[in-house]
Protein backbone atom coordinates (compact mmCIF):
# COMPACT_ATOMS: atom_id res chain seq x y z
CA UNK A 1 141.14 155.68 157.46
CA UNK A 2 143.99 153.60 158.85
CA UNK A 3 143.95 149.89 158.07
CA UNK A 4 142.03 147.99 160.76
CA UNK A 5 140.36 151.15 162.09
CA UNK A 6 136.63 151.57 162.60
CA UNK A 7 134.87 154.92 162.17
CA UNK A 8 131.77 156.08 164.01
CA UNK A 9 130.03 158.93 162.20
CA UNK A 10 127.60 161.14 164.10
CA UNK A 11 124.84 162.18 161.71
CA UNK A 12 121.62 164.12 161.94
CA UNK A 13 118.44 162.38 160.91
CA UNK A 14 118.15 163.90 157.45
CA UNK A 15 116.52 161.36 155.14
CA UNK A 16 119.54 161.00 152.88
CA UNK A 17 121.76 160.10 155.85
CA UNK A 18 119.51 157.20 156.85
CA UNK A 19 118.29 156.04 153.45
CA UNK A 20 118.00 152.27 152.98
CA UNK A 21 119.85 152.80 149.69
CA UNK A 22 122.90 154.12 151.54
CA UNK A 23 125.79 151.67 151.50
CA UNK A 24 127.84 151.88 154.69
CA UNK A 25 131.18 150.04 154.75
CA UNK A 26 131.66 147.40 157.45
CA UNK A 27 134.44 149.56 158.86
CA UNK A 28 131.97 152.35 159.64
CA UNK A 29 129.00 152.79 161.96
CA UNK A 30 126.41 155.53 161.57
CA UNK A 31 125.21 156.92 164.89
CA UNK A 32 122.13 159.12 164.41
CA UNK A 33 121.74 162.05 166.77
CA UNK A 34 118.33 162.50 168.40
CA UNK A 35 116.01 164.64 166.32
CA UNK A 36 115.36 168.22 167.38
CA UNK A 37 118.50 168.48 169.52
CA UNK A 38 120.49 171.41 168.08
CA UNK A 39 122.62 171.51 171.23
CA UNK A 40 124.25 168.28 170.01
CA UNK A 41 125.22 169.84 166.68
CA UNK A 42 128.00 172.41 167.17
CA UNK A 43 127.44 173.82 163.68
CA UNK A 44 124.10 175.18 164.89
CA UNK A 45 126.06 177.63 167.08
CA UNK A 46 127.93 178.84 163.99
CA UNK A 47 124.69 179.63 162.16
CA UNK A 48 123.30 181.37 165.26
CA UNK A 49 126.47 183.45 165.63
CA UNK A 50 126.28 184.51 161.98
CA UNK A 51 122.61 185.44 162.31
CA UNK A 52 123.21 187.39 165.52
CA UNK A 53 126.25 189.27 164.23
CA UNK A 54 125.95 189.71 160.49
CA UNK A 55 122.73 188.38 158.99
CA UNK A 56 119.79 189.62 161.05
CA UNK A 57 117.71 192.81 160.93
CA UNK A 58 118.49 193.59 157.30
CA UNK A 59 116.43 194.32 154.26
CA UNK A 60 117.87 193.12 150.98
CA UNK A 61 116.95 194.55 147.60
CA UNK A 62 117.60 191.38 145.66
CA UNK A 63 118.58 187.75 145.86
CA UNK A 64 122.08 188.72 144.71
CA UNK A 65 122.34 191.13 147.66
CA UNK A 66 121.47 188.26 149.99
CA UNK A 67 124.14 186.05 148.45
CA UNK A 68 126.74 188.81 148.55
CA UNK A 69 126.08 189.58 152.19
CA UNK A 70 126.08 185.89 153.18
CA UNK A 71 129.41 185.41 151.40
CA UNK A 72 130.77 188.50 153.15
CA UNK A 73 129.66 187.14 156.54
CA UNK A 74 131.06 183.68 155.83
CA UNK A 75 134.42 185.11 154.73
CA UNK A 76 134.62 187.24 157.88
CA UNK A 77 134.02 184.15 159.96
CA UNK A 78 136.51 181.86 158.22
CA UNK A 79 139.22 184.49 158.73
CA UNK A 80 138.79 183.87 162.48
CA UNK A 81 139.43 180.15 163.11
CA UNK A 82 139.79 180.74 166.86
CA UNK A 83 136.25 182.12 166.91
CA UNK A 84 134.91 179.09 165.05
CA UNK A 85 136.55 176.80 167.62
CA UNK A 86 135.12 178.74 170.55
CA UNK A 87 131.62 179.00 169.06
CA UNK A 88 131.44 175.25 168.47
CA UNK A 89 132.83 174.34 171.88
CA UNK A 90 130.38 172.72 174.28
CA UNK A 91 131.81 173.42 177.72
CA UNK A 92 129.29 171.09 179.39
CA UNK A 93 130.56 168.19 177.24
CA UNK A 94 134.05 168.44 178.72
CA UNK A 95 133.10 168.00 182.37
């Protein structure tokens, strides 16, 4: 972070993000998102896209098969950065 800057971090309400033991620097503010609002978390669209396109309606023979297929799906997705940007875009948030 640049000297003199202040960061605002949007976080979900997972317990470890809001723990009293968490030390937050004075140059940062944690802003918790409302609970149960996946529309405010763009990453939720990524998981939904992966489920819809590569991870649903399958029967796996083993845990290793699950891991292999998830890695395959993830690698397909990361080879398409333009798709990641469009999936995470919230058109309503831009007016």
